[in-house]
Amino acid sequence: MPESFRHDLVARFEEKTVPCLSAHERVHFFRGDPMMRKTVRRMAQMCDEAWYIFMGTLKLSCAMLLCAFLLLVSPDCTYEQTMLAAALAETPQGLGLVALIVSLLLEERHAG
């Protein structure tokens, strides 16, 4: 599944289509953005281990942010819950940085 997802991601990006934008907006959305194309193409070429780390970290970060949001919107939110929500909202940044470093190390090991 990850392989087909990666190929689908690149194919959609190569088509330069964004479903929620009109044809006129799509032209302006992708104009002068070769760095984004290179980034998506490079992500699609990641080794499987690095891809799983990236996707797992992304899923975990989304779950943590959802938990932080749910804690903050609860009607009886205490000070401790607010601090927990703040910690849950800040942690994905550090987690992403660690996952990026591990993915880069895996890519270097895989390439060499």
PDB file of N, CA and C in Angstrom:
ATOM      1  N   MET A   1       0.803  -1.211   0.000  1.00  0.00           N
ATOM      2  CA  MET A   1       0.000   0.000   0.000  1.00  0.00           C
ATOM      3  C   MET A   1       0.839   1.266   0.000  1.00  0.00           C
ATOM      4  N   PRO A   2       1.908   1.361   0.783  1.00  0.00           N
ATOM      5  CA  PRO A   2       2.683   2.596   0.754  1.00  0.00           C
ATOM      6  C   PRO A   2       3.266   2.892  -0.627  1.00  0.00           C
ATOM      7  N   GLU A   3       3.668   1.839  -1.348  1.00  0.00           N
ATOM      8  CA  GLU A   3       4.253   2.050  -2.665  1.00  0.00           C
ATOM      9  C   GLU A   3       3.234   2.671  -3.617  1.00  0.00           C
ATOM     10  N   SER A   4       2.002   2.149  -3.623  1.00  0.00           N
ATOM     11  CA  SER A   4       0.979   2.709  -4.506  1.00  0.00           C
ATOM     12  C   SER A   4       0.605   4.118  -4.066  1.00  0.00           C
ATOM     13  N   PHE A   5       0.600   4.349  -2.752  1.00  0.00           N
ATOM     14  CA  PHE A   5       0.302   5.691  -2.255  1.00  0.00           C
ATOM     15  C   PHE A   5       1.357   6.683  -2.724  1.00  0.00           C
ATOM     16  N   ARG A   6       2.621   6.269  -2.664  1.00  0.00           N
ATOM     17  CA  ARG A   6       3.699   7.155  -3.103  1.00  0.00           C
ATOM     18  C   ARG A   6       3.594   7.449  -4.591  1.00  0.00           C
ATOM     19  N   HIS A   7       3.317   6.415  -5.397  1.00  0.00           N
ATOM     20  CA  HIS A   7       3.203   6.641  -6.838  1.00  0.00           C
ATOM     21  C   HIS A   7       1.997   7.517  -7.160  1.00  0.00           C
ATOM     22  N   ASP A   8       0.895   7.319  -6.424  1.00  0.00           N
ATOM     23  CA  ASP A   8      -0.283   8.144  -6.624  1.00  0.00           C
ATOM     24  C   ASP A   8       0.000   9.591  -6.248  1.00  0.00           C
ATOM     25  N   LEU A   9       0.767   9.785  -5.184  1.00  0.00           N
ATOM     26  CA  LEU A   9       1.134  11.134  -4.752  1.00  0.00           C
ATOM     27  C   LEU A   9       1.935  11.847  -5.832  1.00  0.00           C
ATOM     28  N   VAL A  10       2.913  11.148  -6.405  1.00  0.00           N
ATOM     29  CA  VAL A  10       3.731  11.750  -7.455  1.00  0.00           C
ATOM     30  C   VAL A  10       2.905  11.986  -8.705  1.00  0.00           C
ATOM     31  N   ALA A  11       2.041  11.029  -9.060  1.00  0.00           N
ATOM     32  CA  ALA A  11       1.225  11.182 -10.267  1.00  0.00           C
ATOM     33  C   ALA A  11       0.293  12.383 -10.150  1.00  0.00           C
ATOM     34  N   ARG A  12      -0.326  12.537  -8.997  1.00  0.00           N
ATOM     35  CA  ARG A  12      -1.208  13.698  -8.827  1.00  0.00           C
ATOM     36  C   ARG A  12      -0.435  15.005  -8.872  1.00  0.00           C
ATOM     37  N   PHE A  13       0.746  14.981  -8.305  1.00  0.00           N
ATOM     38  CA  PHE A  13       1.532  16.201  -8.291  1.00  0.00           C
ATOM     39  C   PHE A  13       2.053  16.521  -9.685  1.00  0.00           C
ATOM     40  N   GLU A  14       2.420  15.490 -10.453  1.00  0.00           N
ATOM     41  CA  GLU A  14       2.892  15.712 -11.807  1.00  0.00           C
ATOM     42  C   GLU A  14       1.780  16.242 -12.697  1.00  0.00           C
ATOM     43  N   GLU A  15       0.538  15.803 -12.420  1.00  0.00           N
ATOM     44  CA  GLU A  15      -0.593  16.324 -13.188  1.00  0.00           C
ATOM     45  C   GLU A  15      -0.850  17.787 -12.864  1.00  0.00           C
ATOM     46  N   LYS A  16      -0.311  18.217 -11.753  1.00  0.00           N
ATOM     47  CA  LYS A  16      -0.490  19.588 -11.275  1.00  0.00           C
ATOM     48  C   LYS A  16      -1.960  19.913 -11.059  1.00  0.00           C
ATOM     49  N   THR A  17      -2.672  18.984 -10.449  1.00  0.00           N
ATOM     50  CA  THR A  17      -4.078  19.220 -10.164  1.00  0.00           C
ATOM     51  C   THR A  17      -4.312  19.219  -8.673  1.00  0.00           C
ATOM     52  N   VAL A  18      -5.135  20.114  -8.250  1.00  0.00           N
ATOM     53  CA  VAL A  18      -5.583  20.158  -6.865  1.00  0.00           C
ATOM     54  C   VAL A  18      -7.100  20.163  -6.931  1.00  0.00           C
ATOM     55  N   PRO A  19      -7.770  19.093  -6.426  1.00  0.00           N
ATOM     56  CA  PRO A  19      -9.207  18.940  -6.637  1.00  0.00           C
ATOM     57  C   PRO A  19     -10.054  20.105  -6.138  1.00  0.00           C
ATOM     58  N   CYS A  20      -9.643  20.766  -5.068  1.00  0.00           N
ATOM     59  CA  CYS A  20     -10.498  21.806  -4.494  1.00  0.00           C
ATOM     60  C   CYS A  20     -10.306  23.170  -5.160  1.00  0.00           C
ATOM     61  N   LEU A  21      -9.355  23.284  -6.094  1.00  0.00           N
ATOM     62  CA  LEU A  21      -9.103  24.557  -6.747  1.00  0.00           C
ATOM     63  C   LEU A  21      -9.662  24.552  -8.161  1.00  0.00           C
ATOM     64  N   SER A  22     -10.077  25.709  -8.629  1.00  0.00           N
ATOM     65  CA  SER A  22     -10.523  25.819 -10.014  1.00  0.00           C
ATOM     66  C   SER A  22      -9.315  25.770 -10.938  1.00  0.00           C
ATOM     67  N   ALA A  23      -9.557  25.636 -12.233  1.00  0.00           N
ATOM     68  CA  ALA A  23      -8.458  25.538 -13.200  1.00  0.00           C
ATOM     69  C   ALA A  23      -7.591  26.798 -13.173  1.00  0.00           C
ATOM     70  N   HIS A  24      -8.198  27.944 -13.023  1.00  0.00           N
ATOM     71  CA  HIS A  24      -7.451  29.201 -12.989  1.00  0.00           C
ATOM     72  C   HIS A  24      -6.568  29.273 -11.740  1.00  0.00           C
ATOM     73  N   GLU A  25      -7.106  28.838 -10.588  1.00  0.00           N
ATOM     74  CA  GLU A  25      -6.344  28.871  -9.345  1.00  0.00           C
ATOM     75  C   GLU A  25      -5.202  27.865  -9.361  1.00  0.00           C
ATOM     76  N   ARG A  26      -5.403  26.707 -10.046  1.00  0.00           N
ATOM     77  CA  ARG A  26      -4.356  25.692 -10.114  1.00  0.00           C
ATOM     78  C   ARG A  26      -3.117  26.221 -10.814  1.00  0.00           C
ATOM     79  N   VAL A  27      -3.319  26.993 -11.863  1.00  0.00           N
ATOM     80  CA  VAL A  27      -2.184  27.538 -12.602  1.00  0.00           C
ATOM     81  C   VAL A  27      -1.344  28.420 -11.690  1.00  0.00           C
ATOM     82  N   HIS A  28      -1.986  29.235 -10.881  1.00  0.00           N
ATOM     83  CA  HIS A  28      -1.265  30.131  -9.988  1.00  0.00           C
ATOM     84  C   HIS A  28      -0.712  29.400  -8.769  1.00  0.00           C
ATOM     85  N   PHE A  29      -1.338  28.282  -8.391  1.00  0.00           N
ATOM     86  CA  PHE A  29      -0.892  27.542  -7.224  1.00  0.00           C
ATOM     87  C   PHE A  29       0.478  26.914  -7.455  1.00  0.00           C
ATOM     88  N   PHE A  30       0.730  26.379  -8.637  1.00  0.00           N
ATOM     89  CA  PHE A  30       1.971  25.682  -8.916  1.00  0.00           C
ATOM     90  C   PHE A  30       2.983  26.524  -9.688  1.00  0.00           C
ATOM     91  N   ARG A  31       2.673  27.760  -9.986  1.00  0.00           N
ATOM     92  CA  ARG A  31       3.603  28.591 -10.733  1.00  0.00           C
ATOM     93  C   ARG A  31       4.811  28.920  -9.872  1.00  0.00           C
ATOM     94  N   GLY A  32       5.983  28.697 -10.429  1.00  0.00           N
ATOM     95  CA  GLY A  32       7.218  29.075  -9.754  1.00  0.00           C
ATOM     96  C   GLY A  32       7.499  28.321  -8.471  1.00  0.00           C
ATOM     97  N   ASP A  33       7.092  27.061  -8.399  1.00  0.00           N
ATOM     98  CA  ASP A  33       7.336  26.299  -7.183  1.00  0.00           C
ATOM     99  C   ASP A  33       8.063  24.989  -7.489  1.00  0.00           C
ATOM    100  N   PRO A  34       9.269  25.062  -8.048  1.00  0.00           N
ATOM    101  CA  PRO A  34       9.999  23.821  -8.354  1.00  0.00           C
ATOM    102  C   PRO A  34      10.478  23.108  -7.091  1.00  0.00           C
ATOM    103  N   MET A  35      10.663  23.828  -6.005  1.00  0.00           N
ATOM    104  CA  MET A  35      11.128  23.207  -4.767  1.00  0.00           C
ATOM    105  C   MET A  35      10.088  22.233  -4.225  1.00  0.00           C
ATOM    106  N   MET A  36       8.816  22.592  -4.334  1.00  0.00           N
ATOM    107  CA  MET A  36       7.760  21.699  -3.858  1.00  0.00           C
ATOM    108  C   MET A  36       7.725  20.435  -4.701  1.00  0.00           C
ATOM    109  N   ARG A  37       7.882  20.569  -6.018  1.00  0.00           N
ATOM    110  CA  ARG A  37       7.906  19.393  -6.890  1.00  0.00           C
ATOM    111  C   ARG A  37       9.080  18.484  -6.547  1.00  0.00           C
ATOM    112  N   LYS A  38      10.241  19.072  -6.299  1.00  0.00           N
ATOM    113  CA  LYS A  38      11.418  18.282  -5.936  1.00  0.00           C
ATOM    114  C   LYS A  38      11.203  17.575  -4.602  1.00  0.00           C
ATOM    115  N   THR A  39      10.569  18.258  -3.669  1.00  0.00           N
ATOM    116  CA  THR A  39      10.329  17.673  -2.346  1.00  0.00           C
ATOM    117  C   THR A  39       9.402  16.469  -2.452  1.00  0.00           C
ATOM    118  N   VAL A  40       8.303  16.605  -3.194  1.00  0.00           N
ATOM    119  CA  VAL A  40       7.359  15.502  -3.335  1.00  0.00           C
ATOM    120  C   VAL A  40       8.013  14.338  -4.079  1.00  0.00           C
ATOM    121  N   ARG A  41       8.780  14.634  -5.118  1.00  0.00           N
ATOM    122  CA  ARG A  41       9.458  13.576  -5.860  1.00  0.00           C
ATOM    123  C   ARG A  41      10.471  12.854  -4.972  1.00  0.00           C
ATOM    124  N   ARG A  42      11.191  13.591  -4.147  1.00  0.00           N
ATOM    125  CA  ARG A  42      12.185  12.987  -3.263  1.00  0.00           C
ATOM    126  C   ARG A  42      11.508  12.144  -2.181  1.00  0.00           C
ATOM    127  N   MET A  43      10.385  12.608  -1.662  1.00  0.00           N
ATOM    128  CA  MET A  43       9.664  11.833  -0.658  1.00  0.00           C
ATOM    129  C   MET A  43       9.176  10.517  -1.231  1.00  0.00           C
ATOM    130  N   ALA A  44       8.806  10.502  -2.493  1.00  0.00           N
ATOM    131  CA  ALA A  44       8.315   9.280  -3.115  1.00  0.00           C
ATOM    132  C   ALA A  44       9.432   8.262  -3.325  1.00  0.00           C
ATOM    133  N   GLN A  45      10.676   8.694  -3.299  1.00  0.00           N
ATOM    134  CA  GLN A  45      11.806   7.802  -3.521  1.00  0.00           C
ATOM    135  C   GLN A  45      12.450   7.329  -2.216  1.00  0.00           C
ATOM    136  N   MET A  46      11.829   7.600  -1.091  1.00  0.00           N
ATOM    137  CA  MET A  46      12.383   7.179   0.197  1.00  0.00           C
ATOM    138  C   MET A  46      12.394   5.666   0.290  1.00  0.00           C
ATOM    139  N   CYS A  47      13.363   5.126   1.037  1.00  0.00           N
ATOM    140  CA  CYS A  47      13.359   3.683   1.281  1.00  0.00           C
ATOM    141  C   CYS A  47      12.174   3.361   2.204  1.00  0.00           C
ATOM    142  N   ASP A  48      11.786   2.094   2.216  1.00  0.00           N
ATOM    143  CA  ASP A  48      10.583   1.700   2.950  1.00  0.00           C
ATOM    144  C   ASP A  48      10.663   1.998   4.444  1.00  0.00           C
ATOM    145  N   GLU A  49      11.817   1.754   5.051  1.00  0.00           N
ATOM    146  CA  GLU A  49      11.945   2.000   6.488  1.00  0.00           C
ATOM    147  C   GLU A  49      11.749   3.476   6.814  1.00  0.00           C
ATOM    148  N   ALA A  50      12.377   4.332   6.022  1.00  0.00           N
ATOM    149  CA  ALA A  50      12.241   5.770   6.256  1.00  0.00           C
ATOM    150  C   ALA A  50      10.804   6.227   6.008  1.00  0.00           C
ATOM    151  N   TRP A  51      10.160   5.631   5.004  1.00  0.00           N
ATOM    152  CA  TRP A  51       8.769   5.990   4.701  1.00  0.00           C
ATOM    153  C   TRP A  51       7.852   5.602   5.867  1.00  0.00           C
ATOM    154  N   TYR A  52       8.057   4.420   6.437  1.00  0.00           N
ATOM    155  CA  TYR A  52       7.232   3.988   7.570  1.00  0.00           C
ATOM    156  C   TYR A  52       7.457   4.876   8.790  1.00  0.00           C
ATOM    157  N   ILE A  53       8.684   5.284   9.009  1.00  0.00           N
ATOM    158  CA  ILE A  53       8.963   6.192  10.124  1.00  0.00           C
ATOM    159  C   ILE A  53       8.269   7.526   9.898  1.00  0.00           C
ATOM    160  N   PHE A  54       8.346   8.028   8.686  1.00  0.00           N
ATOM    161  CA  PHE A  54       7.698   9.311   8.357  1.00  0.00           C
ATOM    162  C   PHE A  54       6.185   9.222   8.546  1.00  0.00           C
ATOM    163  N   MET A  55       5.565   8.188   7.984  1.00  0.00           N
ATOM    164  CA  MET A  55       4.112   8.059   8.083  1.00  0.00           C
ATOM    165  C   MET A  55       3.668   7.776   9.526  1.00  0.00           C
ATOM    166  N   GLY A  56       4.425   6.957  10.251  1.00  0.00           N
ATOM    167  CA  GLY A  56       4.083   6.685  11.642  1.00  0.00           C
ATOM    168  C   GLY A  56       4.170   7.933  12.507  1.00  0.00           C
ATOM    169  N   THR A  57       5.206   8.722  12.272  1.00  0.00           N
ATOM    170  CA  THR A  57       5.357   9.973  13.017  1.00  0.00           C
ATOM    171  C   THR A  57       4.238  10.946  12.675  1.00  0.00           C
ATOM    172  N   LEU A  58       3.861  10.991  11.410  1.00  0.00           N
ATOM    173  CA  LEU A  58       2.771  11.870  11.002  1.00  0.00           C
ATOM    174  C   LEU A  58       1.456  11.452  11.659  1.00  0.00           C
ATOM    175  N   LYS A  59       1.183  10.158  11.697  1.00  0.00           N
ATOM    176  CA  LYS A  59      -0.046   9.664  12.333  1.00  0.00           C
ATOM    177  C   LYS A  59      -0.039   9.941  13.835  1.00  0.00           C
ATOM    178  N   LEU A  60       1.098   9.677  14.486  1.00  0.00           N
ATOM    179  CA  LEU A  60       1.204   9.923  15.916  1.00  0.00           C
ATOM    180  C   LEU A  60       1.044  11.411  16.229  1.00  0.00           C
ATOM    181  N   SER A  61       1.631  12.267  15.412  1.00  0.00           N
ATOM    182  CA  SER A  61       1.515  13.716  15.615  1.00  0.00           C
ATOM    183  C   SER A  61       0.070  14.174  15.473  1.00  0.00           C
ATOM    184  N   CYS A  62      -0.626  13.640  14.481  1.00  0.00           N
ATOM    185  CA  CYS A  62      -2.040  14.000  14.303  1.00  0.00           C
ATOM    186  C   CYS A  62      -2.875  13.543  15.492  1.00  0.00           C
ATOM    187  N   ALA A  63      -2.599  12.342  15.993  1.00  0.00           N
ATOM    188  CA  ALA A  63      -3.337  11.846  17.157  1.00  0.00           C
ATOM    189  C   ALA A  63      -3.071  12.717  18.380  1.00  0.00           C
ATOM    190  N   MET A  64      -1.822  13.130  18.571  1.00  0.00           N
ATOM    191  CA  MET A  64      -1.485  13.980  19.713  1.00  0.00           C
ATOM    192  C   MET A  64      -2.172  15.347  19.606  1.00  0.00           C
ATOM    193  N   LEU A  65      -2.194  15.907  18.415  1.00  0.00           N
ATOM    194  CA  LEU A  65      -2.858  17.200  18.232  1.00  0.00           C
ATOM    195  C   LEU A  65      -4.365  17.079  18.418  1.00  0.00           C
ATOM    196  N   LEU A  66      -4.943  15.963  17.988  1.00  0.00           N
ATOM    197  CA  LEU A  66      -6.370  15.752  18.209  1.00  0.00           C
ATOM    198  C   LEU A  66      -6.674  15.644  19.701  1.00  0.00           C
ATOM    199  N   CYS A  67      -5.853  14.909  20.427  1.00  0.00           N
ATOM    200  CA  CYS A  67      -6.045  14.800  21.885  1.00  0.00           C
ATOM    201  C   CYS A  67      -5.917  16.159  22.566  1.00  0.00           C
ATOM    202  N   ALA A  68      -4.945  16.964  22.127  1.00  0.00           N
ATOM    203  CA  ALA A  68      -4.780  18.303  22.700  1.00  0.00           C
ATOM    204  C   ALA A  68      -6.012  19.156  22.435  1.00  0.00           C
ATOM    205  N   PHE A  69      -6.540  19.063  21.236  1.00  0.00           N
ATOM    206  CA  PHE A  69      -7.733  19.831  20.890  1.00  0.00           C
ATOM    207  C   PHE A  69      -8.929  19.392  21.737  1.00  0.00           C
ATOM    208  N   LEU A  70      -9.097  18.076  21.864  1.00  0.00           N
ATOM    209  CA  LEU A  70     -10.226  17.573  22.658  1.00  0.00           C
ATOM    210  C   LEU A  70     -10.107  17.965  24.124  1.00  0.00           C
ATOM    211  N   LEU A  71      -8.897  17.986  24.643  1.00  0.00           N
ATOM    212  CA  LEU A  71      -8.713  18.420  26.031  1.00  0.00           C
ATOM    213  C   LEU A  71      -9.084  19.893  26.198  1.00  0.00           C
ATOM    214  N   LEU A  72      -8.728  20.693  25.209  1.00  0.00           N
ATOM    215  CA  LEU A  72      -8.991  22.135  25.337  1.00  0.00           C
ATOM    216  C   LEU A  72     -10.459  22.495  25.163  1.00  0.00           C
ATOM    217  N   VAL A  73     -11.191  21.740  24.376  1.00  0.00           N
ATOM    218  CA  VAL A  73     -12.598  22.089  24.155  1.00  0.00           C
ATOM    219  C   VAL A  73     -13.535  21.424  25.146  1.00  0.00           C
ATOM    220  N   SER A  74     -12.998  20.599  26.048  1.00  0.00           N
ATOM    221  CA  SER A  74     -13.876  19.983  27.042  1.00  0.00           C
ATOM    222  C   SER A  74     -14.415  21.065  27.978  1.00  0.00           C
ATOM    223  N   PRO A  75     -15.663  20.954  28.369  1.00  0.00           N
ATOM    224  CA  PRO A  75     -16.279  22.020  29.169  1.00  0.00           C
ATOM    225  C   PRO A  75     -15.691  22.174  30.571  1.00  0.00           C
ATOM    226  N   ASP A  76     -15.200  21.110  31.155  1.00  0.00           N
ATOM    227  CA  ASP A  76     -14.650  21.196  32.514  1.00  0.00           C
ATOM    228  C   ASP A  76     -13.126  21.055  32.480  1.00  0.00           C
ATOM    229  N   CYS A  77     -12.462  21.867  31.684  1.00  0.00           N
ATOM    230  CA  CYS A  77     -11.017  21.801  31.506  1.00  0.00           C
ATOM    231  C   CYS A  77     -10.312  22.460  32.694  1.00  0.00           C
ATOM    232  N   THR A  78      -9.473  21.676  33.376  1.00  0.00           N
ATOM    233  CA  THR A  78      -8.737  22.195  34.525  1.00  0.00           C
ATOM    234  C   THR A  78      -7.374  22.722  34.073  1.00  0.00           C
ATOM    235  N   TYR A  79      -6.643  23.302  35.008  1.00  0.00           N
ATOM    236  CA  TYR A  79      -5.313  23.829  34.717  1.00  0.00           C
ATOM    237  C   TYR A  79      -4.362  22.710  34.272  1.00  0.00           C
ATOM    238  N   GLU A  80      -4.440  21.558  34.941  1.00  0.00           N
ATOM    239  CA  GLU A  80      -3.575  20.431  34.590  1.00  0.00           C
ATOM    240  C   GLU A  80      -3.875  19.922  33.190  1.00  0.00           C
ATOM    241  N   GLN A  81      -5.162  19.892  32.840  1.00  0.00           N
ATOM    242  CA  GLN A  81      -5.530  19.458  31.492  1.00  0.00           C
ATOM    243  C   GLN A  81      -5.059  20.461  30.438  1.00  0.00           C
ATOM    244  N   THR A  82      -5.097  21.733  30.785  1.00  0.00           N
ATOM    245  CA  THR A  82      -4.614  22.756  29.858  1.00  0.00           C
ATOM    246  C   THR A  82      -3.115  22.619  29.634  1.00  0.00           C
ATOM    247  N   MET A  83      -2.370  22.345  30.705  1.00  0.00           N
ATOM    248  CA  MET A  83      -0.924  22.150  30.570  1.00  0.00           C
ATOM    249  C   MET A  83      -0.613  20.871  29.779  1.00  0.00           C
ATOM    250  N   LEU A  84      -1.409  19.821  30.000  1.00  0.00           N
ATOM    251  CA  LEU A  84      -1.238  18.585  29.239  1.00  0.00           C
ATOM    252  C   LEU A  84      -1.520  18.823  27.757  1.00  0.00           C
ATOM    253  N   ALA A  85      -2.557  19.597  27.476  1.00  0.00           N
ATOM    254  CA  ALA A  85      -2.882  19.918  26.082  1.00  0.00           C
ATOM    255  C   ALA A  85      -1.764  20.727  25.435  1.00  0.00           C
ATOM    256  N   ALA A  86      -1.178  21.652  26.182  1.00  0.00           N
ATOM    257  CA  ALA A  86      -0.062  22.434  25.643  1.00  0.00           C
ATOM    258  C   ALA A  86       1.138  21.536  25.349  1.00  0.00           C
ATOM    259  N   ALA A  87       1.404  20.596  26.248  1.00  0.00           N
ATOM    260  CA  ALA A  87       2.516  19.662  26.019  1.00  0.00           C
ATOM    261  C   ALA A  87       2.237  18.765  24.823  1.00  0.00           C
ATOM    262  N   LEU A  88       0.992  18.297  24.704  1.00  0.00           N
ATOM    263  CA  LEU A  88       0.627  17.460  23.558  1.00  0.00           C
ATOM    264  C   LEU A  88       0.711  18.233  22.241  1.00  0.00           C
ATOM    265  N   ALA A  89       0.450  19.518  22.282  1.00  0.00           N
ATOM    266  CA  ALA A  89       0.516  20.328  21.069  1.00  0.00           C
ATOM    267  C   ALA A  89       1.955  20.659  20.682  1.00  0.00           C
ATOM    268  N   GLU A  90       2.859  20.718  21.644  1.00  0.00           N
ATOM    269  CA  GLU A  90       4.249  21.074  21.355  1.00  0.00           C
ATOM    270  C   GLU A  90       5.127  19.867  21.033  1.00  0.00           C
ATOM    271  N   THR A  91       4.783  18.700  21.528  1.00  0.00           N
ATOM    272  CA  THR A  91       5.617  17.512  21.368  1.00  0.00           C
ATOM    273  C   THR A  91       5.799  17.061  19.922  1.00  0.00           C
ATOM    274  N   PRO A  92       4.781  17.141  19.036  1.00  0.00           N
ATOM    275  CA  PRO A  92       4.988  16.668  17.666  1.00  0.00           C
ATOM    276  C   PRO A  92       6.124  17.368  16.921  1.00  0.00           C
ATOM    277  N   GLN A  93       6.462  18.576  17.286  1.00  0.00           N
ATOM    278  CA  GLN A  93       7.567  19.271  16.615  1.00  0.00           C
ATOM    279  C   GLN A  93       8.891  18.576  16.899  1.00  0.00           C
ATOM    280  N   GLY A  94       9.134  18.258  18.147  1.00  0.00           N
ATOM    281  CA  GLY A  94      10.352  17.548  18.508  1.00  0.00           C
ATOM    282  C   GLY A  94      10.364  16.133  17.974  1.00  0.00           C
ATOM    283  N   LEU A  95       9.209  15.486  18.022  1.00  0.00           N
ATOM    284  CA  LEU A  95       9.090  14.140  17.487  1.00  0.00           C
ATOM    285  C   LEU A  95       9.378  14.122  15.986  1.00  0.00           C
ATOM    286  N   GLY A  96       8.893  15.124  15.284  1.00  0.00           N
ATOM    287  CA  GLY A  96       9.156  15.225  13.844  1.00  0.00           C
ATOM    288  C   GLY A  96      10.626  15.432  13.553  1.00  0.00           C
ATOM    289  N   LEU A  97      11.288  16.222  14.365  1.00  0.00           N
ATOM    290  CA  LEU A  97      12.716  16.450  14.176  1.00  0.00           C
ATOM    291  C   LEU A  97      13.518  15.170  14.389  1.00  0.00           C
ATOM    292  N   VAL A  98      13.177  14.416  15.434  1.00  0.00           N
ATOM    293  CA  VAL A  98      13.867  13.149  15.690  1.00  0.00           C
ATOM    294  C   VAL A  98      13.599  12.165  14.549  1.00  0.00           C
ATOM    295  N   ALA A  99      12.358  12.097  14.082  1.00  0.00           N
ATOM    296  CA  ALA A  99      12.015  11.195  12.987  1.00  0.00           C
ATOM    297  C   ALA A  99      12.738  11.594  11.701  1.00  0.00           C
ATOM    298  N   LEU A 100      12.892  12.884  11.473  1.00  0.00           N
ATOM    299  CA  LEU A 100      13.619  13.357  10.298  1.00  0.00           C
ATOM    300  C   LEU A 100      15.077  12.916  10.346  1.00  0.00           C
ATOM    301  N   ILE A 101      15.697  13.059  11.504  1.00  0.00           N
ATOM    302  CA  ILE A 101      17.101  12.656  11.643  1.00  0.00           C
ATOM    303  C   ILE A 101      17.256  11.147  11.453  1.00  0.00           C
ATOM    304  N   VAL A 102      16.364  10.362  12.052  1.00  0.00           N
ATOM    305  CA  VAL A 102      16.438   8.907  11.900  1.00  0.00           C
ATOM    306  C   VAL A 102      16.193   8.507  10.442  1.00  0.00           C
ATOM    307  N   SER A 103      15.247   9.154   9.787  1.00  0.00           N
ATOM    308  CA  SER A 103      14.977   8.855   8.376  1.00  0.00           C
ATOM    309  C   SER A 103      16.177   9.183   7.499  1.00  0.00           C
ATOM    310  N   LEU A 104      16.829  10.297   7.787  1.00  0.00           N
ATOM    311  CA  LEU A 104      18.022  10.656   7.013  1.00  0.00           C
ATOM    312  C   LEU A 104      19.140   9.645   7.222  1.00  0.00           C
ATOM    313  N   LEU A 105      19.316   9.192   8.459  1.00  0.00           N
ATOM    314  CA  LEU A 105      20.342   8.177   8.731  1.00  0.00           C
ATOM    315  C   LEU A 105      20.023   6.864   8.005  1.00  0.00           C
ATOM    316  N   LEU A 106      18.756   6.484   7.997  1.00  0.00           N
ATOM    317  CA  LEU A 106      18.363   5.271   7.275  1.00  0.00           C
ATOM    318  C   LEU A 106      18.576   5.414   5.774  1.00  0.00           C
ATOM    319  N   GLU A 107      18.253   6.581   5.244  1.00  0.00           N
ATOM    320  CA  GLU A 107      18.468   6.823   3.816  1.00  0.00           C
ATOM    321  C   GLU A 107      19.945   6.744   3.467  1.00  0.00           C
ATOM    322  N   GLU A 108      20.798   7.304   4.316  1.00  0.00           N
ATOM    323  CA  GLU A 108      22.248   7.248   4.067  1.00  0.00           C
ATOM    324  C   GLU A 108      22.757   5.808   4.127  1.00  0.00           C
ATOM    325  N   ARG A 109      22.246   5.048   5.094  1.00  0.00           N
ATOM    326  CA  ARG A 109      22.662   3.650   5.214  1.00  0.00           C
ATOM    327  C   ARG A 109      22.168   2.840   4.010  1.00  0.00           C
ATOM    328  N   HIS A 110      20.954   3.145   3.563  1.00  0.00           N
ATOM    329  CA  HIS A 110      20.359   2.435   2.426  1.00  0.00           C
ATOM    330  C   HIS A 110      21.089   2.775   1.121  1.00  0.00           C
ATOM    331  N   ALA A 111      21.496   4.034   0.971  1.00  0.00           N
ATOM    332  CA  ALA A 111      22.173   4.469  -0.252  1.00  0.00           C
ATOM    333  C   ALA A 111      23.619   3.959  -0.308  1.00  0.00           C
ATOM    334  N   GLY A 112      24.251   3.804   0.844  1.00  0.00           N
ATOM    335  CA  GLY A 112      25.673   3.451   0.891  1.00  0.00           C
ATOM    336  C   GLY A 112      25.944   2.015   1.007  1.00  0.00           C
TER     337      GLY A 112
END
